Each structure stands twice: as structure tokens, then as C-alpha cells.
Amino acid sequence: MRMKNLLLIIAFIILTQAASGSSGIGVGVNPDKMNFKLAPGMSEEQSLYVINTGSETATYGIFVDDSIYEDWFTFSSSSFDLKAGENKKVKIKLSVPESVEDNVECKLKVPCTVSGSAIGTGIIIPVHIDISAPEEDSLKAVSLRDSSSGGMKGSLKSFIDKEIKEVSQQFAVKNNSFVDLTQNITYAEEKLKGSAENLKVIVIRSFEDSTTRLDDVIKKIDYMIKRFDEIINKFYELKEMF
């Protein structure tokens, strides 16, 4: 019995000393969980703040806690030192493969080490990836594989030509009825507004893609404005007749 009590006391002393020795080490993150909503083939960047909540300098890292999704994530910095009270902003870019269909749950891990020795298991950050379909079929052509200037320009031109053709067909009224023509004008106006919104999304995404050069984007915008000016002018000319 005395031997058992002695062992318990020794164990208690060791644990107390270990806790005291590591009390100056700490790690915090913000946010404590991450959510992404992306269509297959698209990418998004978010920020994570890593904070040294301890009282001495420590080394921190960040990585994906699942080898299946390692290639999906890119970190602006994966290992760095922080003094007590310091924090670091880490940019996290997620690129979803085009073949993905279902939502994904994974984890990021932020370990902490001092003098090469790991302190605890670090912090685990749950990541939820909501795989959503594009709002319009026309947006499906805008993906990571079309980020080159030629591919993006071709996709954008095809989209605009398709929209203009569809709207123009509404003016080819087979019936000379005033009501039918008015309905087609109203539909065309709504269609133009919707097309403009879709194009806005495409242009924004092209800016977000770091591989798209600025001058290429400007050319696409100029082309878009020119084509839409043409059809809008025709639209108002026809509308003034009534």
C-alpha cells in the first residue's frame, strides 16, 4: 500500500512539473472553423489568424490533416515563428477539382513547437466545403481550366453571342399582335438585365484568377460593353415605337 501511494505521489510531482514547464506555450486561431462554397473547378481565398497566446517564442505550422485533400489547399506560409502575443495572417486558397460532386468535410491542423519539440497536438480547425452548381449553365464554361487569356476570351465571347442571339429572336415576332410584341419587349428587357448580372460574375471571377492578365480582362469588358450597347440601342428603338 505504501509503495502504491509513493508511486502516485511521484507521478503527481512529474505531471505538475510538466504542466509548469509548458504553461508558457499557447496557440490560438481565428476563425476556429472555416466554410467554403464553391462550384467544381473554382477557387476561393480566405484568411486565418494564428496567435501566440503563450509567454515565449514558438514555431507554428499549418497543414491539411488528410492527405486526400492536400492538393486542394495552398498556404501563403506553412511554418513561422511568433513571439509572445504576436499573430500572423495566413492566406488559405482552396481550389476544388472539377470532378468533385459532393460536399466535403476535412480539417486543418496548427501545431506548436518549441526548440524542435511538439507541444500537445496543436489546434484542429474543421473545414466545410459546400459544393454548389453554377447559377447559370453559361457559367460552367468559366473554370480554372479556362483561366488562360485565349480560353477565357473564347468562353466569354460564346456566352455573349448566345445571349444576344436568344434576345434577338424575341424580336422576330411571327404574330403582328401589339400584345405579343409588348410581351417580347418586356422579356428582352428582363433577359438583358439577367445577362448583365451573369457577365458581372464572370468578370469578377476573372479578376480573382491570378493567371488572368489585367489587359485581357479590360479587353473582355470593352467587348462586352460594345456588344450590349448595340442590342440595347435596338431594344429602345423598338420600344419607342409603342
Protein backbone atom coordinates (compact mmCIF):
# COMPACT_ATOMS: atom_id res chain seq x y z
CA MET A 1 0.00 0.00 0.00
CA ARG A 2 2.84 2.37 0.92
CA MET A 3 4.58 1.59 -2.36
CA LYS A 4 1.39 2.35 -4.29
CA ASN A 5 0.95 5.68 -2.53
CA LEU A 6 4.59 6.55 -3.17
CA LEU A 7 4.18 5.88 -6.89
CA LEU A 8 1.07 8.07 -7.03
CA ILE A 9 2.92 10.93 -5.33
CA ILE A 10 5.87 10.63 -7.74
CA ALA A 11 3.51 10.60 -10.74
CA PHE A 12 1.71 13.69 -9.41
CA ILE A 13 5.01 15.56 -8.99
CA ILE A 14 6.10 14.69 -12.55
CA LEU A 15 2.79 15.82 -14.05
CA THR A 16 2.87 19.05 -12.06
CA GLN A 17 6.38 19.85 -13.26
CA ALA A 18 5.46 19.04 -16.86
CA ALA A 19 2.43 21.32 -16.70
CA SER A 20 4.51 24.09 -15.15
CA GLY A 21 7.18 23.74 -17.80
CA SER A 22 4.74 24.04 -20.70
CA SER A 23 2.44 26.69 -19.22
CA GLY A 24 4.24 29.43 -21.21
CA ILE A 25 3.27 27.86 -24.54
CA GLY A 26 -0.04 28.51 -26.27
CA VAL A 27 -1.71 28.79 -29.67
CA GLY A 28 -4.94 30.42 -30.78
CA VAL A 29 -6.64 30.80 -34.17
CA ASN A 30 -9.35 32.97 -35.67
CA PRO A 31 -11.71 31.81 -37.05
CA ASP A 32 -11.96 28.48 -35.25
CA LYS A 33 -13.74 26.88 -38.23
CA MET A 34 -13.91 27.61 -41.96
CA ASN A 35 -16.67 27.37 -44.56
CA PHE A 36 -16.31 27.48 -48.33
CA LYS A 37 -19.00 27.45 -51.01
CA LEU A 38 -17.65 26.72 -54.47
CA ALA A 39 -18.63 25.21 -57.79
CA PRO A 40 -16.37 22.44 -59.15
CA GLY A 41 -13.32 23.89 -60.87
CA MET A 42 -13.45 27.18 -58.94
CA SER A 43 -11.21 28.61 -56.20
CA GLU A 44 -11.57 30.91 -53.19
CA GLU A 45 -9.16 32.54 -50.75
CA GLN A 46 -9.79 33.13 -47.04
CA SER A 47 -7.60 34.31 -44.17
CA LEU A 48 -6.70 32.60 -40.90
CA TYR A 49 -5.00 34.34 -37.98
CA VAL A 50 -2.60 32.29 -35.86
CA ILE A 51 -1.90 33.75 -32.41
CA ASN A 52 0.85 33.03 -29.90
CA THR A 53 -1.12 33.05 -26.64
CA GLY A 54 1.88 31.90 -24.62
CA SER A 55 4.67 33.80 -22.91
CA GLU A 56 7.63 32.76 -25.09
CA THR A 57 8.60 32.47 -28.75
CA ALA A 58 7.33 29.36 -30.52
CA THR A 59 7.20 27.89 -34.03
CA TYR A 60 3.83 27.32 -35.65
CA GLY A 61 2.77 25.44 -38.76
CA ILE A 62 -0.37 24.74 -40.74
CA PHE A 63 -1.26 21.76 -42.90
CA VAL A 64 -4.20 19.65 -44.10
CA ASP A 65 -4.92 16.79 -41.71
CA ASP A 66 -5.96 14.47 -44.56
CA SER A 67 -3.70 13.52 -47.48
CA ILE A 68 -6.71 13.21 -49.81
CA TYR A 69 -7.24 16.97 -49.79
CA GLU A 70 -3.63 18.17 -49.54
CA ASP A 71 -3.50 19.31 -53.16
CA TRP A 72 -6.70 21.35 -52.76
CA PHE A 73 -5.13 23.85 -50.36
CA THR A 74 -2.38 26.42 -50.79
CA PHE A 75 -0.97 28.38 -47.82
CA SER A 76 0.83 31.72 -48.02
CA SER A 77 3.01 30.45 -45.18
CA SER A 78 3.13 26.94 -43.72
CA SER A 79 5.74 27.44 -40.97
CA PHE A 80 6.70 30.56 -39.00
CA ASP A 81 7.89 31.85 -35.62
CA LEU A 82 5.81 34.09 -33.36
CA LYS A 83 6.91 35.94 -30.27
CA ALA A 84 4.65 36.05 -27.23
CA GLY A 85 1.45 37.92 -28.08
CA GLU A 86 2.20 38.11 -31.81
CA ASN A 87 -0.16 36.92 -34.55
CA LYS A 88 0.21 36.11 -38.23
CA LYS A 89 -2.29 36.28 -41.08
CA VAL A 90 -2.15 33.18 -43.27
CA LYS A 91 -3.92 33.25 -46.63
CA ILE A 92 -5.56 29.95 -47.47
CA LYS A 93 -6.55 29.27 -51.08
CA LEU A 94 -8.90 26.39 -51.80
CA SER A 95 -9.15 25.05 -55.36
CA VAL A 96 -11.90 22.49 -55.91
CA PRO A 97 -11.26 19.90 -58.66
CA GLU A 98 -13.82 19.80 -61.47
CA SER A 99 -14.64 16.15 -60.77
CA VAL A 100 -15.98 16.82 -57.25
CA GLU A 101 -19.74 16.44 -56.81
CA ASP A 102 -20.44 16.02 -53.08
CA ASN A 103 -19.83 18.30 -50.09
CA VAL A 104 -16.56 17.75 -48.25
CA GLU A 105 -15.58 17.78 -44.57
CA CYS A 106 -11.89 17.99 -43.72
CA LYS A 107 -9.55 19.51 -41.13
CA LEU A 108 -6.60 21.85 -40.91
CA LYS A 109 -4.08 21.42 -38.11
CA VAL A 110 -1.97 24.15 -36.49
CA PRO A 111 0.81 22.57 -34.37
CA CYS A 112 3.13 24.42 -31.99
CA THR A 113 6.76 23.53 -31.30
CA VAL A 114 9.50 24.91 -29.05
CA SER A 115 13.14 24.02 -29.69
CA GLY A 116 12.00 21.32 -32.10
CA SER A 117 9.70 19.62 -29.58
CA ALA A 118 5.96 19.50 -30.26
CA ILE A 119 3.73 20.87 -27.52
CA GLY A 120 0.49 18.91 -27.42
CA THR A 121 -1.48 18.14 -30.57
CA GLY A 122 -2.00 21.75 -31.64
CA ILE A 123 -5.33 23.15 -32.80
CA ILE A 124 -7.62 21.40 -35.26
CA ILE A 125 -9.80 23.60 -37.50
CA PRO A 126 -12.89 21.97 -39.05
CA VAL A 127 -13.41 22.89 -42.73
CA HIS A 128 -16.75 22.52 -44.52
CA ILE A 129 -16.75 22.74 -48.33
CA ASP A 130 -20.19 23.21 -49.87
CA ILE A 131 -20.06 22.07 -53.50
CA SER A 132 -22.64 24.13 -55.38
CA ALA A 133 -23.62 24.14 -59.05
CA PRO A 134 -23.17 27.38 -61.07
CA GLU A 135 -26.27 29.63 -61.07
CA GLU A 136 -26.40 29.60 -64.88
CA ASP A 137 -25.35 26.94 -67.38
CA SER A 138 -23.33 29.62 -69.13
CA LEU A 139 -21.06 29.96 -66.12
CA LYS A 140 -19.95 26.34 -66.40
CA ALA A 141 -17.50 27.35 -69.11
CA VAL A 142 -15.74 29.68 -66.71
CA SER A 143 -13.46 27.39 -64.70
CA LEU A 144 -9.86 27.02 -63.72
CA ARG A 145 -9.00 25.28 -66.97
CA ASP A 146 -10.26 28.32 -68.94
CA SER A 147 -8.19 30.84 -66.99
CA SER A 148 -5.76 31.40 -69.88
CA SER A 149 -6.44 34.53 -71.93
CA GLY A 150 -7.49 32.56 -75.01
CA GLY A 151 -9.78 30.16 -73.18
CA MET A 152 -11.46 32.84 -71.07
CA LYS A 153 -11.92 35.16 -74.05
CA GLY A 154 -13.47 32.37 -76.11
CA SER A 155 -15.85 31.39 -73.31
CA LEU A 156 -16.92 34.98 -72.72
CA LYS A 157 -17.47 35.64 -76.43
CA SER A 158 -19.54 32.47 -76.81
CA PHE A 159 -21.65 33.44 -73.81
CA ILE A 160 -22.35 36.96 -75.12
CA ASP A 161 -23.15 35.71 -78.63
CA LYS A 162 -25.57 33.17 -77.18
CA GLU A 163 -27.34 35.78 -75.05
CA ILE A 164 -27.63 38.27 -77.94
CA LYS A 165 -28.98 35.61 -80.28
CA GLU A 166 -31.59 34.49 -77.76
CA VAL A 167 -32.74 38.04 -77.06
CA SER A 168 -32.78 38.94 -80.75
CA GLN A 169 -35.04 36.00 -81.50
CA GLN A 170 -37.64 37.52 -79.21
CA PHE A 171 -37.98 40.45 -81.66
CA ALA A 172 -38.70 38.14 -84.59
CA VAL A 173 -42.41 38.11 -83.78
CA LYS A 174 -44.45 35.93 -86.06
CA ASN A 175 -47.69 37.47 -84.86
CA ASN A 176 -48.27 41.18 -85.57
CA SER A 177 -50.29 41.49 -82.38
CA PHE A 178 -49.39 44.51 -80.23
CA VAL A 179 -49.74 42.41 -77.06
CA ASP A 180 -47.37 39.72 -78.31
CA LEU A 181 -44.77 42.29 -79.30
CA THR A 182 -45.03 44.07 -75.96
CA GLN A 183 -44.53 40.79 -74.13
CA ASN A 184 -41.41 40.09 -76.17
CA ILE A 185 -40.03 43.54 -75.41
CA THR A 186 -40.61 43.02 -71.69
CA TYR A 187 -38.96 39.61 -71.81
CA ALA A 188 -35.99 41.03 -73.71
CA GLU A 189 -35.52 43.76 -71.12
CA GLU A 190 -35.52 41.23 -68.27
CA LYS A 191 -33.19 38.95 -70.22
CA LEU A 192 -30.71 41.76 -70.77
CA LYS A 193 -30.64 42.56 -67.06
CA GLY A 194 -30.04 38.91 -66.21
CA SER A 195 -27.30 38.62 -68.80
CA ALA A 196 -25.57 41.69 -67.43
CA GLU A 197 -25.55 40.16 -63.93
CA ASN A 198 -24.08 36.89 -65.23
CA LEU A 199 -21.40 38.77 -67.10
CA LYS A 200 -20.58 40.71 -63.94
CA VAL A 201 -19.95 37.40 -62.15
CA ILE A 202 -17.70 36.20 -64.96
CA VAL A 203 -15.64 39.39 -64.99
CA ILE A 204 -15.27 39.37 -61.19
CA ARG A 205 -14.09 35.75 -61.25
CA SER A 206 -11.60 36.56 -63.98
CA PHE A 207 -10.13 39.27 -61.75
CA GLU A 208 -9.89 36.79 -58.86
CA ASP A 209 -7.95 34.35 -61.03
CA SER A 210 -4.32 35.40 -60.65
CA THR A 211 -3.44 33.82 -64.01
CA THR A 212 -5.67 36.21 -65.95
CA ARG A 213 -3.75 39.27 -67.09
CA LEU A 214 -5.30 42.70 -66.43
CA ASP A 215 -5.12 43.81 -70.06
CA ASP A 216 -7.01 40.69 -71.15
CA VAL A 217 -9.77 41.43 -68.66
CA ILE A 218 -10.04 45.04 -69.88
CA LYS A 219 -10.38 43.84 -73.48
CA LYS A 220 -13.18 41.47 -72.44
CA ILE A 221 -15.01 44.26 -70.66
CA ASP A 222 -14.68 46.55 -73.70
CA TYR A 223 -16.01 43.80 -75.94
CA MET A 224 -18.92 43.15 -73.58
CA ILE A 225 -19.90 46.85 -73.43
CA LYS A 226 -19.76 47.23 -77.20
CA ARG A 227 -21.96 44.23 -77.93
CA PHE A 228 -24.52 45.07 -75.28
CA ASP A 229 -24.67 48.71 -76.40
CA GLU A 230 -25.65 47.50 -79.85
CA ILE A 231 -28.54 45.36 -78.73
CA ILE A 232 -29.73 47.81 -76.07
CA ASN A 233 -29.93 50.55 -78.73
CA LYS A 234 -32.04 48.27 -80.92
CA PHE A 235 -34.18 47.42 -77.93
CA TYR A 236 -35.00 51.06 -77.15
CA GLU A 237 -35.61 51.90 -80.79
CA LEU A 238 -38.24 49.18 -80.97
CA LYS A 239 -39.71 50.12 -77.60
CA GLU A 240 -40.17 53.78 -78.67
CA MET A 241 -42.43 52.62 -81.48
CA PHE A 242 -45.03 51.79 -78.86
